[in-house]
Amino acid sequence: MLSRDAAQIYAGWFRALADPTRVQIVNLLAEAGGPMTVGEVVEQVSVGQSTVSAHLKILAGVGFVLVEPRGTARLYRVNQECVSCFPSAADVVMGRGVRPFAEAEEVAG
């Protein structure tokens, strides 16, 4: 059975992706091939800067997005660890195998 700690982390991941704009942002960053500024993300997802910033904060909070300070700017990129770990979270929740939880904790940061 899934531990309470693991369930809380996985629930946070799914909650972070419960908004379609956040799903678009993660997809954009995953396909970008490199870090992007908030302005670049805004141009692609067609929502305001403050909304994109709020979404990026949520995504960074669960470890899906990494923030790289560069001068006065912040660059955002997808956390590659999530690419392999997140599908396993869905499998675990649906009872289709258990991956070592330590990997989830590393991604969640």
N, C-alpha and C. Protein backbone atom coordinates (compact mmCIF):
# COMPACT_ATOMS: atom_id res chain seq x y z
N MET A 1 0.84 -1.18 0.00
CA MET A 1 0.00 0.00 0.00
C MET A 1 0.89 1.25 0.00
N LEU A 2 0.43 2.26 -0.65
CA LEU A 2 1.13 3.53 -0.77
C LEU A 2 1.19 4.21 0.60
N SER A 3 2.36 4.68 0.99
CA SER A 3 2.49 5.36 2.28
C SER A 3 1.80 6.72 2.23
N ARG A 4 1.48 7.26 3.38
CA ARG A 4 0.84 8.57 3.47
C ARG A 4 1.75 9.66 2.91
N ASP A 5 3.04 9.58 3.22
CA ASP A 5 3.99 10.58 2.71
C ASP A 5 4.04 10.56 1.19
N ALA A 6 4.11 9.36 0.61
CA ALA A 6 4.13 9.25 -0.85
C ALA A 6 2.83 9.78 -1.43
N ALA A 7 1.71 9.42 -0.82
CA ALA A 7 0.41 9.88 -1.31
C ALA A 7 0.33 11.40 -1.30
N GLN A 8 0.87 12.04 -0.28
CA GLN A 8 0.84 13.50 -0.21
C GLN A 8 1.68 14.13 -1.32
N ILE A 9 2.84 13.56 -1.56
CA ILE A 9 3.69 14.11 -2.64
C ILE A 9 3.01 13.92 -3.98
N TYR A 10 2.52 12.71 -4.25
CA TYR A 10 1.85 12.46 -5.53
C TYR A 10 0.62 13.35 -5.69
N ALA A 11 -0.14 13.54 -4.63
CA ALA A 11 -1.33 14.41 -4.70
C ALA A 11 -0.92 15.84 -5.07
N GLY A 12 0.20 16.30 -4.52
CA GLY A 12 0.70 17.62 -4.86
C GLY A 12 1.07 17.71 -6.33
N TRP A 13 1.67 16.66 -6.86
CA TRP A 13 2.02 16.64 -8.27
C TRP A 13 0.77 16.74 -9.14
N PHE A 14 -0.22 15.91 -8.83
CA PHE A 14 -1.45 15.91 -9.63
C PHE A 14 -2.20 17.24 -9.47
N ARG A 15 -2.19 17.80 -8.27
CA ARG A 15 -2.83 19.10 -8.03
C ARG A 15 -2.15 20.19 -8.86
N ALA A 16 -0.82 20.12 -8.94
CA ALA A 16 -0.08 21.12 -9.72
C ALA A 16 -0.44 21.05 -11.19
N LEU A 17 -0.81 19.88 -11.68
CA LEU A 17 -1.17 19.72 -13.08
C LEU A 17 -2.68 19.78 -13.33
N ALA A 18 -3.43 20.18 -12.32
CA ALA A 18 -4.89 20.22 -12.45
C ALA A 18 -5.38 21.43 -13.23
N ASP A 19 -4.49 22.31 -13.61
CA ASP A 19 -4.84 23.50 -14.37
C ASP A 19 -4.31 23.35 -15.80
N PRO A 20 -5.15 23.56 -16.80
CA PRO A 20 -4.68 23.35 -18.18
C PRO A 20 -3.54 24.28 -18.59
N THR A 21 -3.48 25.47 -18.05
CA THR A 21 -2.38 26.38 -18.39
C THR A 21 -1.07 25.83 -17.85
N ARG A 22 -1.09 25.26 -16.66
CA ARG A 22 0.13 24.67 -16.11
C ARG A 22 0.58 23.47 -16.94
N VAL A 23 -0.37 22.68 -17.42
CA VAL A 23 -0.02 21.56 -18.29
C VAL A 23 0.64 22.09 -19.56
N GLN A 24 0.09 23.17 -20.13
CA GLN A 24 0.69 23.78 -21.32
C GLN A 24 2.10 24.28 -21.04
N ILE A 25 2.28 24.90 -19.89
CA ILE A 25 3.61 25.43 -19.54
C ILE A 25 4.63 24.31 -19.40
N VAL A 26 4.26 23.24 -18.72
CA VAL A 26 5.19 22.12 -18.57
C VAL A 26 5.52 21.56 -19.95
N ASN A 27 4.52 21.39 -20.79
CA ASN A 27 4.76 20.88 -22.14
C ASN A 27 5.67 21.80 -22.94
N LEU A 28 5.41 23.10 -22.86
CA LEU A 28 6.24 24.09 -23.56
C LEU A 28 7.69 24.00 -23.10
N LEU A 29 7.90 23.97 -21.80
CA LEU A 29 9.26 23.90 -21.28
C LEU A 29 9.93 22.57 -21.63
N ALA A 30 9.16 21.50 -21.65
CA ALA A 30 9.72 20.18 -21.99
C ALA A 30 10.17 20.15 -23.45
N GLU A 31 9.44 20.82 -24.30
CA GLU A 31 9.77 20.80 -25.73
C GLU A 31 10.73 21.92 -26.14
N ALA A 32 10.98 22.88 -25.25
CA ALA A 32 11.79 24.05 -25.59
C ALA A 32 13.24 23.73 -25.88
N GLY A 33 13.76 22.73 -25.23
CA GLY A 33 15.16 22.39 -25.44
C GLY A 33 16.13 23.24 -24.65
N GLY A 34 15.63 24.15 -23.85
CA GLY A 34 16.47 25.00 -23.03
C GLY A 34 15.62 25.89 -22.16
N PRO A 35 16.24 26.60 -21.24
CA PRO A 35 15.49 27.46 -20.32
C PRO A 35 14.81 28.62 -21.05
N MET A 36 13.71 29.08 -20.47
CA MET A 36 12.95 30.18 -21.04
C MET A 36 12.67 31.23 -19.97
N THR A 37 12.54 32.48 -20.39
CA THR A 37 12.14 33.55 -19.48
C THR A 37 10.62 33.53 -19.33
N VAL A 38 10.14 34.23 -18.32
CA VAL A 38 8.70 34.37 -18.14
C VAL A 38 8.08 35.00 -19.39
N GLY A 39 8.75 36.01 -19.94
CA GLY A 39 8.23 36.68 -21.13
C GLY A 39 8.08 35.74 -22.31
N GLU A 40 9.04 34.86 -22.49
CA GLU A 40 8.95 33.88 -23.57
C GLU A 40 7.79 32.91 -23.36
N VAL A 41 7.58 32.52 -22.11
CA VAL A 41 6.46 31.63 -21.80
C VAL A 41 5.14 32.36 -22.05
N VAL A 42 5.05 33.61 -21.61
CA VAL A 42 3.84 34.42 -21.81
C VAL A 42 3.47 34.48 -23.29
N GLU A 43 4.46 34.72 -24.15
CA GLU A 43 4.20 34.80 -25.59
C GLU A 43 3.60 33.52 -26.15
N GLN A 44 4.01 32.40 -25.61
CA GLN A 44 3.56 31.10 -26.15
C GLN A 44 2.20 30.65 -25.61
N VAL A 45 1.91 30.95 -24.35
CA VAL A 45 0.66 30.45 -23.75
C VAL A 45 -0.45 31.48 -23.75
N SER A 46 -0.14 32.70 -24.15
CA SER A 46 -1.14 33.76 -24.31
C SER A 46 -1.96 34.06 -23.05
N VAL A 47 -1.28 34.10 -21.92
CA VAL A 47 -1.89 34.58 -20.68
C VAL A 47 -0.95 35.61 -20.09
N GLY A 48 -1.43 36.38 -19.14
CA GLY A 48 -0.65 37.47 -18.57
C GLY A 48 0.58 37.03 -17.80
N GLN A 49 1.50 37.98 -17.66
CA GLN A 49 2.76 37.72 -16.97
C GLN A 49 2.54 37.29 -15.53
N SER A 50 1.64 37.95 -14.82
CA SER A 50 1.43 37.60 -13.41
C SER A 50 0.84 36.19 -13.28
N THR A 51 -0.01 35.81 -14.22
CA THR A 51 -0.59 34.46 -14.20
C THR A 51 0.48 33.42 -14.48
N VAL A 52 1.31 33.66 -15.48
CA VAL A 52 2.39 32.73 -15.80
C VAL A 52 3.34 32.61 -14.62
N SER A 53 3.69 33.74 -14.00
CA SER A 53 4.58 33.70 -12.84
C SER A 53 4.00 32.87 -11.72
N ALA A 54 2.70 33.03 -11.47
CA ALA A 54 2.04 32.26 -10.40
C ALA A 54 2.07 30.77 -10.73
N HIS A 55 1.81 30.43 -11.98
CA HIS A 55 1.84 29.02 -12.39
C HIS A 55 3.25 28.45 -12.27
N LEU A 56 4.25 29.20 -12.70
CA LEU A 56 5.64 28.73 -12.60
C LEU A 56 6.03 28.51 -11.14
N LYS A 57 5.55 29.36 -10.26
CA LYS A 57 5.86 29.20 -8.83
C LYS A 57 5.28 27.87 -8.31
N ILE A 58 4.06 27.56 -8.70
CA ILE A 58 3.44 26.30 -8.28
C ILE A 58 4.20 25.11 -8.85
N LEU A 59 4.53 25.19 -10.13
CA LEU A 59 5.25 24.09 -10.78
C LEU A 59 6.65 23.90 -10.19
N ALA A 60 7.31 24.99 -9.85
CA ALA A 60 8.62 24.90 -9.21
C ALA A 60 8.48 24.35 -7.79
N GLY A 61 7.39 24.68 -7.14
CA GLY A 61 7.16 24.22 -5.76
C GLY A 61 7.08 22.71 -5.63
N VAL A 62 6.61 22.05 -6.68
CA VAL A 62 6.53 20.58 -6.63
C VAL A 62 7.69 19.92 -7.37
N GLY A 63 8.58 20.74 -7.93
CA GLY A 63 9.77 20.19 -8.56
C GLY A 63 9.65 19.92 -10.05
N PHE A 64 8.52 20.23 -10.68
CA PHE A 64 8.38 20.00 -12.12
C PHE A 64 9.23 20.97 -12.93
N VAL A 65 9.43 22.16 -12.39
CA VAL A 65 10.16 23.22 -13.09
C VAL A 65 11.33 23.66 -12.21
N LEU A 66 12.46 23.89 -12.83
CA LEU A 66 13.64 24.39 -12.13
C LEU A 66 13.87 25.84 -12.53
N VAL A 67 14.33 26.63 -11.57
CA VAL A 67 14.56 28.06 -11.78
C VAL A 67 16.06 28.31 -11.79
N GLU A 68 16.53 29.02 -12.81
CA GLU A 68 17.94 29.36 -12.92
C GLU A 68 18.08 30.88 -12.92
N PRO A 69 18.62 31.45 -11.84
CA PRO A 69 18.85 32.90 -11.87
C PRO A 69 19.95 33.22 -12.88
N ARG A 70 19.71 34.23 -13.69
CA ARG A 70 20.72 34.68 -14.64
C ARG A 70 20.68 36.20 -14.65
N GLY A 71 21.63 36.79 -13.94
CA GLY A 71 21.61 38.25 -13.77
C GLY A 71 20.38 38.63 -12.97
N THR A 72 19.59 39.56 -13.50
CA THR A 72 18.36 39.96 -12.82
C THR A 72 17.16 39.13 -13.29
N ALA A 73 17.37 38.30 -14.29
CA ALA A 73 16.29 37.47 -14.83
C ALA A 73 16.28 36.09 -14.19
N ARG A 74 15.17 35.42 -14.35
CA ARG A 74 15.05 34.03 -13.95
C ARG A 74 14.66 33.23 -15.18
N LEU A 75 15.35 32.14 -15.37
CA LEU A 75 15.04 31.26 -16.48
C LEU A 75 14.42 29.98 -15.92
N TYR A 76 13.47 29.44 -16.66
CA TYR A 76 12.73 28.27 -16.21
C TYR A 76 12.93 27.14 -17.21
N ARG A 77 13.10 25.94 -16.66
CA ARG A 77 13.21 24.76 -17.51
C ARG A 77 12.55 23.59 -16.81
N VAL A 78 12.17 22.61 -17.60
CA VAL A 78 11.54 21.43 -17.03
C VAL A 78 12.60 20.62 -16.28
N ASN A 79 12.20 20.03 -15.18
CA ASN A 79 13.07 19.16 -14.40
C ASN A 79 13.08 17.79 -15.07
N GLN A 80 14.19 17.43 -15.67
CA GLN A 80 14.27 16.17 -16.42
C GLN A 80 14.00 14.94 -15.55
N GLU A 81 14.22 15.05 -14.25
CA GLU A 81 13.92 13.92 -13.36
C GLU A 81 12.43 13.59 -13.39
N CYS A 82 11.60 14.59 -13.63
CA CYS A 82 10.15 14.37 -13.68
C CYS A 82 9.74 13.56 -14.89
N VAL A 83 10.52 13.66 -15.95
CA VAL A 83 10.18 12.95 -17.18
C VAL A 83 10.10 11.45 -16.92
N SER A 84 11.01 10.94 -16.12
CA SER A 84 10.98 9.50 -15.83
C SER A 84 10.17 9.16 -14.59
N CYS A 85 10.08 10.08 -13.65
CA CYS A 85 9.43 9.77 -12.37
C CYS A 85 7.92 9.96 -12.41
N PHE A 86 7.43 10.97 -13.11
CA PHE A 86 5.99 11.24 -13.06
C PHE A 86 5.13 10.12 -13.62
N PRO A 87 5.45 9.52 -14.77
CA PRO A 87 4.61 8.41 -15.22
C PRO A 87 4.54 7.28 -14.21
N SER A 88 5.62 7.09 -13.47
CA SER A 88 5.61 6.07 -12.43
C SER A 88 4.65 6.44 -11.31
N ALA A 89 4.50 7.73 -11.04
CA ALA A 89 3.55 8.15 -10.01
C ALA A 89 2.14 7.73 -10.40
N ALA A 90 1.79 7.92 -11.66
CA ALA A 90 0.46 7.52 -12.13
C ALA A 90 0.30 6.00 -12.01
N ASP A 91 1.33 5.26 -12.37
CA ASP A 91 1.27 3.80 -12.24
C ASP A 91 1.10 3.37 -10.79
N VAL A 92 1.83 4.00 -9.89
CA VAL A 92 1.75 3.64 -8.48
C VAL A 92 0.35 3.91 -7.95
N VAL A 93 -0.18 5.09 -8.25
CA VAL A 93 -1.52 5.45 -7.75
C VAL A 93 -2.56 4.47 -8.28
N MET A 94 -2.38 4.02 -9.51
CA MET A 94 -3.35 3.11 -10.11
C MET A 94 -3.05 1.64 -9.80
N GLY A 95 -2.08 1.40 -8.90
CA GLY A 95 -1.79 0.04 -8.46
C GLY A 95 -1.05 -0.80 -9.47
N ARG A 96 -0.30 -0.16 -10.36
CA ARG A 96 0.40 -0.88 -11.42
C ARG A 96 1.91 -0.91 -11.19
N GLY A 97 2.32 -1.18 -9.98
CA GLY A 97 3.74 -1.29 -9.70
C GLY A 97 4.20 -0.19 -8.77
N VAL A 98 5.27 -0.46 -8.10
CA VAL A 98 5.80 0.50 -7.14
C VAL A 98 7.24 0.79 -7.49
N ARG A 99 7.55 2.03 -7.68
CA ARG A 99 8.91 2.48 -7.91
C ARG A 99 9.44 2.98 -6.57
N PRO A 100 10.70 2.84 -6.31
CA PRO A 100 11.22 3.31 -5.02
C PRO A 100 10.82 4.77 -4.75
N PHE A 101 10.25 5.01 -3.59
CA PHE A 101 9.75 6.34 -3.26
C PHE A 101 10.86 7.35 -3.14
N ALA A 102 12.06 6.94 -2.89
CA ALA A 102 13.18 7.89 -2.76
C ALA A 102 13.30 8.76 -3.99
N GLU A 103 13.01 8.22 -5.17
CA GLU A 103 13.08 9.00 -6.41
C GLU A 103 12.05 10.12 -6.39
N ALA A 104 10.86 9.84 -5.89
CA ALA A 104 9.82 10.86 -5.81
C ALA A 104 10.23 11.96 -4.85
N GLU A 105 10.84 11.59 -3.74
CA GLU A 105 11.27 12.59 -2.77
C GLU A 105 12.36 13.48 -3.36
N GLU A 106 13.26 12.90 -4.16
CA GLU A 106 14.32 13.70 -4.79
C GLU A 106 13.74 14.72 -5.75
N VAL A 107 12.76 14.32 -6.53
CA VAL A 107 12.13 15.23 -7.48
C VAL A 107 11.36 16.31 -6.76
N ALA A 108 10.64 15.93 -5.71
CA ALA A 108 9.84 16.89 -4.96
C ALA A 108 10.70 17.91 -4.25
N GLY A 109 11.95 17.56 -4.02
CA GLY A 109 12.92 18.47 -3.45
C GLY A 109 12.74 18.71 -2.02
